[in-house]
Amino acid sequence: MSLWDNFGESLGGVWDSVSSGAGQIFDAVVDSEVDRVKSADPASNRPKTDAAQQPGGQPIPTQSQGFVVDNKTLMIGGGIAAVLLIGLVAVMGRR
């Protein structure tokens, strides 16, 4: 019986060594992939740029200087236009 016990203990030791080595290799592969993905991030690879300034040092406003409409206003206007269009189609369909 001791031969089988020694064989089982040896096999268990080999299994422990192989599984821990495979785990270390897996961790190394995952870590290298994570590093590769992080280094591919375009935001981190862009050079730092300062905001545009006027000659006096004041920042230049980035908002549009022309006619500005809020998104909520556009959605309300689109809804009203859709209701009017559906009403027009309904009235024309009755004739």
C-alpha atoms as a PDB file:
ATOM      1  CA  MET A   1       0.000   0.000   0.000  1.00  0.00           C
ATOM      2  CA  SER A   2       2.907   2.348   0.645  1.00  0.00           C
ATOM      3  CA  LEU A   3       3.868   2.275  -3.075  1.00  0.00           C
ATOM      4  CA  TRP A   4       0.434   3.625  -4.015  1.00  0.00           C
ATOM      5  CA  ASP A   5       0.609   6.195  -1.222  1.00  0.00           C
ATOM      6  CA  ASN A   6       3.996   7.428  -2.433  1.00  0.00           C
ATOM      7  CA  PHE A   7       2.722   7.516  -6.033  1.00  0.00           C
ATOM      8  CA  GLY A   8      -0.353   9.494  -4.982  1.00  0.00           C
ATOM      9  CA  GLU A   9       1.699  11.951  -2.967  1.00  0.00           C
ATOM     10  CA  SER A  10       4.128  12.417  -5.850  1.00  0.00           C
ATOM     11  CA  LEU A  11       1.286  12.900  -8.313  1.00  0.00           C
ATOM     12  CA  GLY A  12      -0.320  15.400  -5.951  1.00  0.00           C
ATOM     13  CA  GLY A  13       2.950  17.319  -5.655  1.00  0.00           C
ATOM     14  CA  VAL A  14       3.368  17.383  -9.429  1.00  0.00           C
ATOM     15  CA  TRP A  15      -0.216  18.560  -9.825  1.00  0.00           C
ATOM     16  CA  ASP A  16       0.340  21.368  -7.304  1.00  0.00           C
ATOM     17  CA  SER A  17       3.508  22.495  -9.097  1.00  0.00           C
ATOM     18  CA  VAL A  18       1.914  22.440 -12.541  1.00  0.00           C
ATOM     19  CA  SER A  19      -1.253  24.217 -11.429  1.00  0.00           C
ATOM     20  CA  SER A  20       0.676  26.961  -9.610  1.00  0.00           C
ATOM     21  CA  GLY A  21       2.982  27.413 -12.625  1.00  0.00           C
ATOM     22  CA  ALA A  22       0.001  27.573 -14.978  1.00  0.00           C
ATOM     23  CA  GLY A  23      -1.644  30.131 -12.706  1.00  0.00           C
ATOM     24  CA  GLN A  24       1.472  32.295 -12.752  1.00  0.00           C
ATOM     25  CA  ILE A  25       1.682  32.083 -16.547  1.00  0.00           C
ATOM     26  CA  PHE A  26      -2.019  32.955 -16.856  1.00  0.00           C
ATOM     27  CA  ASP A  27      -1.563  35.947 -14.531  1.00  0.00           C
ATOM     28  CA  ALA A  28       1.435  37.142 -16.552  1.00  0.00           C
ATOM     29  CA  VAL A  29      -0.498  36.890 -19.827  1.00  0.00           C
ATOM     30  CA  VAL A  30      -3.490  38.743 -18.389  1.00  0.00           C
ATOM     31  CA  ASP A  31      -1.252  41.452 -16.906  1.00  0.00           C
ATOM     32  CA  SER A  32       0.522  41.968 -20.234  1.00  0.00           C
ATOM     33  CA  GLU A  33      -2.820  42.261 -22.049  1.00  0.00           C
ATOM     34  CA  VAL A  34      -4.052  44.784 -19.480  1.00  0.00           C
ATOM     35  CA  ASP A  35      -0.871  46.835 -19.921  1.00  0.00           C
ATOM     36  CA  ARG A  36      -1.243  46.656 -23.712  1.00  0.00           C
ATOM     37  CA  VAL A  37      -4.836  47.873 -23.552  1.00  0.00           C
ATOM     38  CA  LYS A  38      -3.945  50.687 -21.148  1.00  0.00           C
ATOM     39  CA  SER A  39      -1.096  51.867 -23.351  1.00  0.00           C
ATOM     40  CA  ALA A  40      -3.433  51.932 -26.380  1.00  0.00           C
ATOM     41  CA  ASP A  41      -5.717  54.500 -24.731  1.00  0.00           C
ATOM     42  CA  PRO A  42      -5.574  57.539 -27.032  1.00  0.00           C
ATOM     43  CA  ALA A  43      -6.409  59.978 -24.244  1.00  0.00           C
ATOM     44  CA  SER A  44      -3.304  59.021 -22.283  1.00  0.00           C
ATOM     45  CA  ASN A  45      -1.061  59.206 -25.355  1.00  0.00           C
ATOM     46  CA  ARG A  46      -2.085  62.719 -26.399  1.00  0.00           C
ATOM     47  CA  PRO A  47       0.312  65.505 -25.509  1.00  0.00           C
ATOM     48  CA  LYS A  48      -0.954  67.938 -22.898  1.00  0.00           C
ATOM     49  CA  THR A  49      -2.105  71.208 -24.475  1.00  0.00           C
ATOM     50  CA  ASP A  50      -3.046  74.424 -22.769  1.00  0.00           C
ATOM     51  CA  ALA A  51      -6.356  76.113 -23.527  1.00  0.00           C
ATOM     52  CA  ALA A  52      -6.262  78.873 -26.110  1.00  0.00           C
ATOM     53  CA  GLN A  53      -5.742  82.319 -24.615  1.00  0.00           C
ATOM     54  CA  GLN A  54      -6.130  85.868 -25.749  1.00  0.00           C
ATOM     55  CA  PRO A  55      -3.028  88.070 -25.714  1.00  0.00           C
ATOM     56  CA  GLY A  56      -4.012  89.391 -22.269  1.00  0.00           C
ATOM     57  CA  GLY A  57      -4.169  85.861 -20.846  1.00  0.00           C
ATOM     58  CA  GLN A  58      -7.950  85.504 -20.695  1.00  0.00           C
ATOM     59  CA  PRO A  59      -9.245  82.150 -21.937  1.00  0.00           C
ATOM     60  CA  ILE A  60     -11.111  82.111 -25.223  1.00  0.00           C
ATOM     61  CA  PRO A  61     -14.699  80.933 -24.733  1.00  0.00           C
ATOM     62  CA  THR A  62     -15.345  77.646 -26.504  1.00  0.00           C
ATOM     63  CA  GLN A  63     -19.134  77.989 -26.686  1.00  0.00           C
ATOM     64  CA  SER A  64     -20.613  78.884 -30.040  1.00  0.00           C
ATOM     65  CA  GLN A  65     -20.960  82.642 -30.507  1.00  0.00           C
ATOM     66  CA  GLY A  66     -23.951  82.359 -32.842  1.00  0.00           C
ATOM     67  CA  PHE A  67     -27.529  81.216 -32.361  1.00  0.00           C
ATOM     68  CA  VAL A  68     -27.593  78.603 -29.584  1.00  0.00           C
ATOM     69  CA  VAL A  69     -30.627  76.374 -28.944  1.00  0.00           C
ATOM     70  CA  ASP A  70     -30.986  74.096 -25.945  1.00  0.00           C
ATOM     71  CA  ASN A  71     -31.601  70.377 -26.598  1.00  0.00           C
ATOM     72  CA  LYS A  72     -34.806  70.467 -24.561  1.00  0.00           C
ATOM     73  CA  THR A  73     -36.166  73.258 -26.771  1.00  0.00           C
ATOM     74  CA  LEU A  74     -35.321  71.268 -29.887  1.00  0.00           C
ATOM     75  CA  MET A  75     -37.111  68.184 -28.526  1.00  0.00           C
ATOM     76  CA  ILE A  76     -40.237  70.193 -27.680  1.00  0.00           C
ATOM     77  CA  GLY A  77     -40.219  71.800 -31.130  1.00  0.00           C
ATOM     78  CA  GLY A  78     -39.803  68.417 -32.802  1.00  0.00           C
ATOM     79  CA  GLY A  79     -42.691  66.996 -30.785  1.00  0.00           C
ATOM     80  CA  ILE A  80     -44.966  69.876 -31.757  1.00  0.00           C
ATOM     81  CA  ALA A  81     -43.972  69.492 -35.421  1.00  0.00           C
ATOM     82  CA  ALA A  82     -44.715  65.736 -35.271  1.00  0.00           C
ATOM     83  CA  VAL A  83     -48.150  66.342 -33.718  1.00  0.00           C
ATOM     84  CA  LEU A  84     -48.962  68.959 -36.383  1.00  0.00           C
ATOM     85  CA  LEU A  85     -47.816  66.620 -39.155  1.00  0.00           C
ATOM     86  CA  ILE A  86     -49.904  63.727 -37.803  1.00  0.00           C
ATOM     87  CA  GLY A  87     -52.903  66.062 -37.495  1.00  0.00           C
ATOM     88  CA  LEU A  88     -52.431  67.280 -41.071  1.00  0.00           C
ATOM     89  CA  VAL A  89     -52.255  63.704 -42.362  1.00  0.00           C
ATOM     90  CA  ALA A  90     -55.423  62.824 -40.392  1.00  0.00           C
ATOM     91  CA  VAL A  91     -57.330  65.810 -41.775  1.00  0.00           C
ATOM     92  CA  MET A  92     -56.189  65.113 -45.355  1.00  0.00           C
ATOM     93  CA  GLY A  93     -57.162  61.463 -44.984  1.00  0.00           C
ATOM     94  CA  ARG A  94     -60.783  62.286 -44.142  1.00  0.00           C
ATOM     95  CA  ARG A  95     -61.364  64.194 -47.376  1.00  0.00           C
END
